[in-house]
Amino acid sequence: MDTIERTPFQKQREILINDIALGIEQVINNMAVLNKNLESVVAIGREFENVASLWKNFNNAIITSASDNDLKEDNNNTGSGRNYLF
């Protein structure tokens, strides 16, 4: 048994140390929850990679097709003798 009486400073110090320990434990738990949520977000993002790639390829094909059509129209218009003012 303690024969020495703790001073008010020591009592307050012990209370604060316990509060800090509880706070750190809560921070660790919250960080674990945050990590789990971030992992879920990354997993969902990975699921959309294939869809995004497909849309990107589709967009590139449309742009290429539109550019080819514009070039064909420009070649047809320059040979017609018409002058266009833009």
PDB file of N, CA and C in Angstrom:
ATOM      1  N   MET A   1       0.814  -1.169   0.000  1.00  0.00           N
ATOM      2  CA  MET A   1       0.000   0.000   0.000  1.00  0.00           C
ATOM      3  C   MET A   1       0.866   1.243   0.000  1.00  0.00           C
ATOM      4  N   ASP A   2       0.302   2.284  -0.567  1.00  0.00           N
ATOM      5  CA  ASP A   2       1.009   3.550  -0.596  1.00  0.00           C
ATOM      6  C   ASP A   2       0.888   4.227   0.762  1.00  0.00           C
ATOM      7  N   THR A   3       2.016   4.460   1.322  1.00  0.00           N
ATOM      8  CA  THR A   3       2.005   5.211   2.573  1.00  0.00           C
ATOM      9  C   THR A   3       2.180   6.697   2.291  1.00  0.00           C
ATOM     10  N   ILE A   4       2.648   6.997   1.074  1.00  0.00           N
ATOM     11  CA  ILE A   4       2.865   8.400   0.721  1.00  0.00           C
ATOM     12  C   ILE A   4       1.598   8.936   0.065  1.00  0.00           C
ATOM     13  N   GLU A   5       1.124  10.039   0.578  1.00  0.00           N
ATOM     14  CA  GLU A   5      -0.057  10.699   0.015  1.00  0.00           C
ATOM     15  C   GLU A   5       0.361  11.431  -1.253  1.00  0.00           C
ATOM     16  N   ARG A   6      -0.458  11.267  -2.313  1.00  0.00           N
ATOM     17  CA  ARG A   6      -0.144  11.962  -3.554  1.00  0.00           C
ATOM     18  C   ARG A   6      -0.563  13.416  -3.451  1.00  0.00           C
ATOM     19  N   THR A   7       0.248  14.235  -4.052  1.00  0.00           N
ATOM     20  CA  THR A   7      -0.046  15.672  -4.038  1.00  0.00           C
ATOM     21  C   THR A   7      -1.138  15.969  -5.055  1.00  0.00           C
ATOM     22  N   PRO A   8      -1.797  17.112  -4.925  1.00  0.00           N
ATOM     23  CA  PRO A   8      -2.812  17.484  -5.921  1.00  0.00           C
ATOM     24  C   PRO A   8      -2.229  17.535  -7.339  1.00  0.00           C
ATOM     25  N   PHE A   9      -0.970  17.965  -7.433  1.00  0.00           N
ATOM     26  CA  PHE A   9      -0.309  17.986  -8.745  1.00  0.00           C
ATOM     27  C   PHE A   9      -0.238  16.580  -9.338  1.00  0.00           C
ATOM     28  N   GLN A  10       0.173  15.621  -8.552  1.00  0.00           N
ATOM     29  CA  GLN A  10       0.299  14.245  -9.027  1.00  0.00           C
ATOM     30  C   GLN A  10      -1.063  13.668  -9.400  1.00  0.00           C
ATOM     31  N   LYS A  11      -2.093  13.981  -8.621  1.00  0.00           N
ATOM     32  CA  LYS A  11      -3.441  13.510  -8.940  1.00  0.00           C
ATOM     33  C   LYS A  11      -3.917  14.098 -10.276  1.00  0.00           C
ATOM     34  N   GLN A  12      -3.718  15.403 -10.426  1.00  0.00           N
ATOM     35  CA  GLN A  12      -4.131  16.057 -11.669  1.00  0.00           C
ATOM     36  C   GLN A  12      -3.325  15.528 -12.857  1.00  0.00           C
ATOM     37  N   ARG A  13      -2.055  15.296 -12.618  1.00  0.00           N
ATOM     38  CA  ARG A  13      -1.183  14.743 -13.674  1.00  0.00           C
ATOM     39  C   ARG A  13      -1.682  13.370 -14.119  1.00  0.00           C
ATOM     40  N   GLU A  14      -2.045  12.532 -13.181  1.00  0.00           N
ATOM     41  CA  GLU A  14      -2.545  11.191 -13.500  1.00  0.00           C
ATOM     42  C   GLU A  14      -3.860  11.267 -14.286  1.00  0.00           C
ATOM     43  N   ILE A  15      -4.726  12.185 -13.871  1.00  0.00           N
ATOM     44  CA  ILE A  15      -5.995  12.369 -14.594  1.00  0.00           C
ATOM     45  C   ILE A  15      -5.723  12.802 -16.031  1.00  0.00           C
ATOM     46  N   LEU A  16      -4.818  13.753 -16.213  1.00  0.00           N
ATOM     47  CA  LEU A  16      -4.495  14.243 -17.560  1.00  0.00           C
ATOM     48  C   LEU A  16      -3.846  13.153 -18.416  1.00  0.00           C
ATOM     49  N   ILE A  17      -2.985  12.360 -17.814  1.00  0.00           N
ATOM     50  CA  ILE A  17      -2.340  11.267 -18.560  1.00  0.00           C
ATOM     51  C   ILE A  17      -3.389  10.259 -19.018  1.00  0.00           C
ATOM     52  N   ASN A  18      -4.349   9.955 -18.153  1.00  0.00           N
ATOM     53  CA  ASN A  18      -5.425   9.034 -18.534  1.00  0.00           C
ATOM     54  C   ASN A  18      -6.282   9.622 -19.650  1.00  0.00           C
ATOM     55  N   ASP A  19      -6.578  10.928 -19.561  1.00  0.00           N
ATOM     56  CA  ASP A  19      -7.347  11.595 -20.625  1.00  0.00           C
ATOM     57  C   ASP A  19      -6.599  11.558 -21.954  1.00  0.00           C
ATOM     58  N   ILE A  20      -5.307  11.806 -21.890  1.00  0.00           N
ATOM     59  CA  ILE A  20      -4.486  11.772 -23.115  1.00  0.00           C
ATOM     60  C   ILE A  20      -4.472  10.361 -23.703  1.00  0.00           C
ATOM     61  N   ALA A  21      -4.327   9.366 -22.845  1.00  0.00           N
ATOM     62  CA  ALA A  21      -4.314   7.977 -23.324  1.00  0.00           C
ATOM     63  C   ALA A  21      -5.635   7.620 -23.998  1.00  0.00           C
ATOM     64  N   LEU A  22      -6.750   8.042 -23.410  1.00  0.00           N
ATOM     65  CA  LEU A  22      -8.065   7.777 -24.012  1.00  0.00           C
ATOM     66  C   LEU A  22      -8.206   8.523 -25.347  1.00  0.00           C
ATOM     67  N   GLY A  23      -7.719   9.769 -25.377  1.00  0.00           N
ATOM     68  CA  GLY A  23      -7.787  10.555 -26.607  1.00  0.00           C
ATOM     69  C   GLY A  23      -6.968   9.922 -27.725  1.00  0.00           C
ATOM     70  N   ILE A  24      -5.778   9.453 -27.392  1.00  0.00           N
ATOM     71  CA  ILE A  24      -4.929   8.803 -28.396  1.00  0.00           C
ATOM     72  C   ILE A  24      -5.578   7.517 -28.881  1.00  0.00           C
ATOM     73  N   GLU A  25      -6.184   6.765 -27.990  1.00  0.00           N
ATOM     74  CA  GLU A  25      -6.879   5.537 -28.388  1.00  0.00           C
ATOM     75  C   GLU A  25      -8.029   5.849 -29.344  1.00  0.00           C
ATOM     76  N   GLN A  26      -8.760   6.928 -29.051  1.00  0.00           N
ATOM     77  CA  GLN A  26      -9.862   7.333 -29.922  1.00  0.00           C
ATOM     78  C   GLN A  26      -9.338   7.778 -31.292  1.00  0.00           C
ATOM     79  N   VAL A  27      -8.223   8.489 -31.311  1.00  0.00           N
ATOM     80  CA  VAL A  27      -7.617   8.906 -32.580  1.00  0.00           C
ATOM     81  C   VAL A  27      -7.201   7.685 -33.395  1.00  0.00           C
ATOM     82  N   ILE A  28      -6.610   6.704 -32.751  1.00  0.00           N
ATOM     83  CA  ILE A  28      -6.184   5.483 -33.448  1.00  0.00           C
ATOM     84  C   ILE A  28      -7.399   4.768 -34.040  1.00  0.00           C
ATOM     85  N   ASN A  29      -8.479   4.671 -33.273  1.00  0.00           N
ATOM     86  CA  ASN A  29      -9.694   4.030 -33.783  1.00  0.00           C
ATOM     87  C   ASN A  29     -10.272   4.801 -34.966  1.00  0.00           C
ATOM     88  N   ASN A  30     -10.294   6.125 -34.862  1.00  0.00           N
ATOM     89  CA  ASN A  30     -10.804   6.937 -35.963  1.00  0.00           C
ATOM     90  C   ASN A  30      -9.923   6.815 -37.209  1.00  0.00           C
ATOM     91  N   MET A  31      -8.623   6.723 -37.010  1.00  0.00           N
ATOM     92  CA  MET A  31      -7.708   6.540 -38.148  1.00  0.00           C
ATOM     93  C   MET A  31      -7.955   5.189 -38.822  1.00  0.00           C
ATOM     94  N   ALA A  32      -8.260   4.168 -38.046  1.00  0.00           N
ATOM     95  CA  ALA A  32      -8.561   2.860 -38.620  1.00  0.00           C
ATOM     96  C   ALA A  32      -9.834   2.922 -39.454  1.00  0.00           C
ATOM     97  N   VAL A  33     -10.845   3.636 -38.955  1.00  0.00           N
ATOM     98  CA  VAL A  33     -12.094   3.802 -39.711  1.00  0.00           C
ATOM     99  C   VAL A  33     -11.828   4.584 -40.992  1.00  0.00           C
ATOM    100  N   LEU A  34     -11.050   5.651 -40.887  1.00  0.00           N
ATOM    101  CA  LEU A  34     -10.704   6.459 -42.066  1.00  0.00           C
ATOM    102  C   LEU A  34      -9.954   5.617 -43.086  1.00  0.00           C
ATOM    103  N   ASN A  35      -9.009   4.822 -42.634  1.00  0.00           N
ATOM    104  CA  ASN A  35      -8.242   3.959 -43.539  1.00  0.00           C
ATOM    105  C   ASN A  35      -9.162   2.977 -44.259  1.00  0.00           C
ATOM    106  N   LYS A  36     -10.103   2.395 -43.531  1.00  0.00           N
ATOM    107  CA  LYS A  36     -11.054   1.466 -44.137  1.00  0.00           C
ATOM    108  C   LYS A  36     -11.894   2.165 -45.201  1.00  0.00           C
ATOM    109  N   ASN A  37     -12.355   3.386 -44.897  1.00  0.00           N
ATOM    110  CA  ASN A  37     -13.155   4.147 -45.858  1.00  0.00           C
ATOM    111  C   ASN A  37     -12.340   4.520 -47.095  1.00  0.00           C
ATOM    112  N   LEU A  38     -11.091   4.906 -46.898  1.00  0.00           N
ATOM    113  CA  LEU A  38     -10.235   5.238 -48.041  1.00  0.00           C
ATOM    114  C   LEU A  38      -9.981   4.014 -48.918  1.00  0.00           C
ATOM    115  N   GLU A  39      -9.790   2.873 -48.291  1.00  0.00           N
ATOM    116  CA  GLU A  39      -9.608   1.645 -49.065  1.00  0.00           C
ATOM    117  C   GLU A  39     -10.855   1.339 -49.881  1.00  0.00           C
ATOM    118  N   SER A  40     -12.028   1.593 -49.325  1.00  0.00           N
ATOM    119  CA  SER A  40     -13.279   1.381 -50.064  1.00  0.00           C
ATOM    120  C   SER A  40     -13.369   2.325 -51.256  1.00  0.00           C
ATOM    121  N   VAL A  41     -12.998   3.575 -51.056  1.00  0.00           N
ATOM    122  CA  VAL A  41     -13.039   4.553 -52.148  1.00  0.00           C
ATOM    123  C   VAL A  41     -12.090   4.140 -53.269  1.00  0.00           C
ATOM    124  N   VAL A  42     -10.908   3.698 -52.914  1.00  0.00           N
ATOM    125  CA  VAL A  42      -9.933   3.262 -53.921  1.00  0.00           C
ATOM    126  C   VAL A  42     -10.463   2.043 -54.669  1.00  0.00           C
ATOM    127  N   ALA A  43     -11.084   1.118 -53.960  1.00  0.00           N
ATOM    128  CA  ALA A  43     -11.630  -0.079 -54.603  1.00  0.00           C
ATOM    129  C   ALA A  43     -12.740   0.292 -55.578  1.00  0.00           C
ATOM    130  N   ILE A  44     -13.595   1.226 -55.197  1.00  0.00           N
ATOM    131  CA  ILE A  44     -14.666   1.665 -56.098  1.00  0.00           C
ATOM    132  C   ILE A  44     -14.063   2.352 -57.318  1.00  0.00           C
ATOM    133  N   GLY A  45     -13.041   3.166 -57.095  1.00  0.00           N
ATOM    134  CA  GLY A  45     -12.368   3.829 -58.209  1.00  0.00           C
ATOM    135  C   GLY A  45     -11.778   2.836 -59.190  1.00  0.00           C
ATOM    136  N   ARG A  46     -11.222   1.766 -58.683  1.00  0.00           N
ATOM    137  CA  ARG A  46     -10.642   0.738 -59.561  1.00  0.00           C
ATOM    138  C   ARG A  46     -11.711   0.058 -60.411  1.00  0.00           C
ATOM    139  N   GLU A  47     -12.913  -0.057 -59.859  1.00  0.00           N
ATOM    140  CA  GLU A  47     -14.007  -0.679 -60.614  1.00  0.00           C
ATOM    141  C   GLU A  47     -14.393   0.157 -61.831  1.00  0.00           C
ATOM    142  N   PHE A  48     -14.168   1.462 -61.764  1.00  0.00           N
ATOM    143  CA  PHE A  48     -14.534   2.333 -62.864  1.00  0.00           C
ATOM    144  C   PHE A  48     -13.423   2.515 -63.897  1.00  0.00           C
ATOM    145  N   GLU A  49     -12.243   1.956 -63.661  1.00  0.00           N
ATOM    146  CA  GLU A  49     -11.135   2.116 -64.599  1.00  0.00           C
ATOM    147  C   GLU A  49     -11.480   1.554 -65.976  1.00  0.00           C
ATOM    148  N   ASN A  50     -12.093   0.389 -66.025  1.00  0.00           N
ATOM    149  CA  ASN A  50     -12.434  -0.223 -67.314  1.00  0.00           C
ATOM    150  C   ASN A  50     -13.470   0.610 -68.056  1.00  0.00           C
ATOM    151  N   VAL A  51     -14.467   1.101 -67.337  1.00  0.00           N
ATOM    152  CA  VAL A  51     -15.507   1.920 -67.965  1.00  0.00           C
ATOM    153  C   VAL A  51     -14.903   3.224 -68.475  1.00  0.00           C
ATOM    154  N   ALA A  52     -14.043   3.842 -67.678  1.00  0.00           N
ATOM    155  CA  ALA A  52     -13.403   5.093 -68.092  1.00  0.00           C
ATOM    156  C   ALA A  52     -12.535   4.873 -69.320  1.00  0.00           C
ATOM    157  N   SER A  53     -11.828   3.770 -69.352  1.00  0.00           N
ATOM    158  CA  SER A  53     -10.983   3.460 -70.510  1.00  0.00           C
ATOM    159  C   SER A  53     -11.830   3.260 -71.762  1.00  0.00           C
ATOM    160  N   LEU A  54     -12.951   2.588 -71.614  1.00  0.00           N
ATOM    161  CA  LEU A  54     -13.848   2.366 -72.748  1.00  0.00           C
ATOM    162  C   LEU A  54     -14.370   3.700 -73.282  1.00  0.00           C
ATOM    163  N   TRP A  55     -14.816   4.580 -72.399  1.00  0.00           N
ATOM    164  CA  TRP A  55     -15.317   5.888 -72.833  1.00  0.00           C
ATOM    165  C   TRP A  55     -14.217   6.725 -73.467  1.00  0.00           C
ATOM    166  N   LYS A  56     -13.012   6.619 -72.943  1.00  0.00           N
ATOM    167  CA  LYS A  56     -11.883   7.357 -73.515  1.00  0.00           C
ATOM    168  C   LYS A  56     -11.615   6.888 -74.940  1.00  0.00           C
ATOM    169  N   ASN A  57     -11.617   5.578 -75.142  1.00  0.00           N
ATOM    170  CA  ASN A  57     -11.410   5.034 -76.492  1.00  0.00           C
ATOM    171  C   ASN A  57     -12.531   5.472 -77.429  1.00  0.00           C
ATOM    172  N   PHE A  58     -13.762   5.460 -76.942  1.00  0.00           N
ATOM    173  CA  PHE A  58     -14.894   5.906 -77.740  1.00  0.00           C
ATOM    174  C   PHE A  58     -14.741   7.384 -78.118  1.00  0.00           C
ATOM    175  N   ASN A  59     -14.372   8.205 -77.155  1.00  0.00           N
ATOM    176  CA  ASN A  59     -14.173   9.630 -77.401  1.00  0.00           C
ATOM    177  C   ASN A  59     -13.069   9.857 -78.434  1.00  0.00           C
ATOM    178  N   ASN A  60     -11.968   9.143 -78.290  1.00  0.00           N
ATOM    179  CA  ASN A  60     -10.864   9.284 -79.247  1.00  0.00           C
ATOM    180  C   ASN A  60     -11.303   8.864 -80.651  1.00  0.00           C
ATOM    181  N   ALA A  61     -12.101   7.821 -80.737  1.00  0.00           N
ATOM    182  CA  ALA A  61     -12.578   7.360 -82.045  1.00  0.00           C
ATOM    183  C   ALA A  61     -13.499   8.397 -82.669  1.00  0.00           C
ATOM    184  N   ILE A  62     -14.366   9.004 -81.883  1.00  0.00           N
ATOM    185  CA  ILE A  62     -15.275  10.035 -82.393  1.00  0.00           C
ATOM    186  C   ILE A  62     -14.483  11.258 -82.854  1.00  0.00           C
ATOM    187  N   ILE A  63     -13.516  11.679 -82.080  1.00  0.00           N
ATOM    188  CA  ILE A  63     -12.695  12.841 -82.448  1.00  0.00           C
ATOM    189  C   ILE A  63     -11.923  12.558 -83.728  1.00  0.00           C
ATOM    190  N   THR A  64     -11.351  11.379 -83.832  1.00  0.00           N
ATOM    191  CA  THR A  64     -10.605  11.012 -85.034  1.00  0.00           C
ATOM    192  C   THR A  64     -11.528  10.981 -86.241  1.00  0.00           C
ATOM    193  N   SER A  65     -12.706  10.414 -86.081  1.00  0.00           N
ATOM    194  CA  SER A  65     -13.670  10.352 -87.177  1.00  0.00           C
ATOM    195  C   SER A  65     -14.105  11.753 -87.592  1.00  0.00           C
ATOM    196  N   ALA A  66     -14.370  12.624 -86.621  1.00  0.00           N
ATOM    197  CA  ALA A  66     -14.780  13.990 -86.928  1.00  0.00           C
ATOM    198  C   ALA A  66     -13.663  14.742 -87.637  1.00  0.00           C
ATOM    199  N   SER A  67     -12.439  14.544 -87.210  1.00  0.00           N
ATOM    200  CA  SER A  67     -11.304  15.208 -87.848  1.00  0.00           C
ATOM    201  C   SER A  67     -11.143  14.733 -89.288  1.00  0.00           C
ATOM    202  N   ASP A  68     -11.310  13.439 -89.525  1.00  0.00           N
ATOM    203  CA  ASP A  68     -11.210  12.900 -90.879  1.00  0.00           C
ATOM    204  C   ASP A  68     -12.305  13.475 -91.771  1.00  0.00           C
ATOM    205  N   ASN A  69     -13.521  13.582 -91.246  1.00  0.00           N
ATOM    206  CA  ASN A  69     -14.629  14.149 -92.025  1.00  0.00           C
ATOM    207  C   ASN A  69     -14.378  15.622 -92.335  1.00  0.00           C
ATOM    208  N   ASP A  70     -13.844  16.370 -91.392  1.00  0.00           N
ATOM    209  CA  ASP A  70     -13.535  17.779 -91.623  1.00  0.00           C
ATOM    210  C   ASP A  70     -12.485  17.929 -92.717  1.00  0.00           C
ATOM    211  N   LEU A  71     -11.487  17.063 -92.695  1.00  0.00           N
ATOM    212  CA  LEU A  71     -10.449  17.127 -93.738  1.00  0.00           C
ATOM    213  C   LEU A  71     -11.036  16.814 -95.109  1.00  0.00           C
ATOM    214  N   LYS A  72     -11.921  15.830 -95.179  1.00  0.00           N
ATOM    215  CA  LYS A  72     -12.542  15.484 -96.461  1.00  0.00           C
ATOM    216  C   LYS A  72     -13.396  16.639 -96.961  1.00  0.00           C
ATOM    217  N   GLU A  73     -14.161  17.277 -96.064  1.00  0.00           N
ATOM    218  CA  GLU A  73     -14.997  18.406 -96.461  1.00  0.00           C
ATOM    219  C   GLU A  73     -14.143  19.578 -96.913  1.00  0.00           C
ATOM    220  N   ASP A  74     -13.034  19.839 -96.235  1.00  0.00           N
ATOM    221  CA  ASP A  74     -12.148  20.926 -96.618  1.00  0.00           C
ATOM    222  C   ASP A  74     -11.558  20.667 -98.002  1.00  0.00           C
ATOM    223  N   ASN A  75     -11.191  19.440 -98.296  1.00  0.00           N
ATOM    224  CA  ASN A  75     -10.636  19.105 -99.612  1.00  0.00           C
ATOM    225  C   ASN A  75     -11.697  19.266-100.700  1.00  0.00           C
ATOM    226  N   ASN A  76     -12.927  18.895-100.408  1.00  0.00           N
ATOM    227  CA  ASN A  76     -14.011  19.035-101.385  1.00  0.00           C
ATOM    228  C   ASN A  76     -14.355  20.504-101.627  1.00  0.00           C
ATOM    229  N   ASN A  77     -14.329  21.320-100.598  1.00  0.00           N
ATOM    230  CA  ASN A  77     -14.702  22.730-100.707  1.00  0.00           C
ATOM    231  C   ASN A  77     -13.632  23.554-101.410  1.00  0.00           C
ATOM    232  N   THR A  78     -12.385  23.221-101.275  1.00  0.00           N
ATOM    233  CA  THR A  78     -11.335  24.020-101.918  1.00  0.00           C
ATOM    234  C   THR A  78     -11.315  23.814-103.418  1.00  0.00           C
ATOM    235  N   GLY A  79     -11.784  22.708-103.878  1.00  0.00           N
ATOM    236  CA  GLY A  79     -11.803  22.447-105.320  1.00  0.00           C
ATOM    237  C   GLY A  79     -13.038  22.979-106.005  1.00  0.00           C
ATOM    238  N   SER A  80     -14.018  23.506-105.308  1.00  0.00           N
ATOM    239  CA  SER A  80     -15.261  23.925-105.914  1.00  0.00           C
ATOM    240  C   SER A  80     -15.205  25.357-106.446  1.00  0.00           C
ATOM    241  N   GLY A  81     -14.153  26.096-106.127  1.00  0.00           N
ATOM    242  CA  GLY A  81     -14.033  27.454-106.607  1.00  0.00           C
ATOM    243  C   GLY A  81     -14.789  28.452-105.765  1.00  0.00           C
ATOM    244  N   ARG A  82     -15.406  28.022-104.723  1.00  0.00           N
ATOM    245  CA  ARG A  82     -16.132  28.942-103.846  1.00  0.00           C
ATOM    246  C   ARG A  82     -15.193  29.537-102.840  1.00  0.00           C
ATOM    247  N   ASN A  83     -15.436  30.795-102.501  1.00  0.00           N
ATOM    248  CA  ASN A  83     -14.645  31.461-101.464  1.00  0.00           C
ATOM    249  C   ASN A  83     -15.540  31.662-100.251  1.00  0.00           C
ATOM    250  N   TYR A  84     -15.088  31.180 -99.138  1.00  0.00           N
ATOM    251  CA  TYR A  84     -15.848  31.309 -97.900  1.00  0.00           C
ATOM    252  C   TYR A  84     -15.141  32.306 -97.004  1.00  0.00           C
ATOM    253  N   LEU A  85     -15.896  33.210 -96.434  1.00  0.00           N
ATOM    254  CA  LEU A  85     -15.354  34.179 -95.482  1.00  0.00           C
ATOM    255  C   LEU A  85     -15.817  33.778 -94.098  1.00  0.00           C
ATOM    256  N   PHE A  86     -14.884  33.552 -93.247  1.00  0.00           N
ATOM    257  CA  PHE A  86     -15.203  33.182 -91.870  1.00  0.00           C
ATOM    258  C   PHE A  86     -14.653  34.200 -90.926  1.00  0.00           C
TER     259      PHE A  86
END
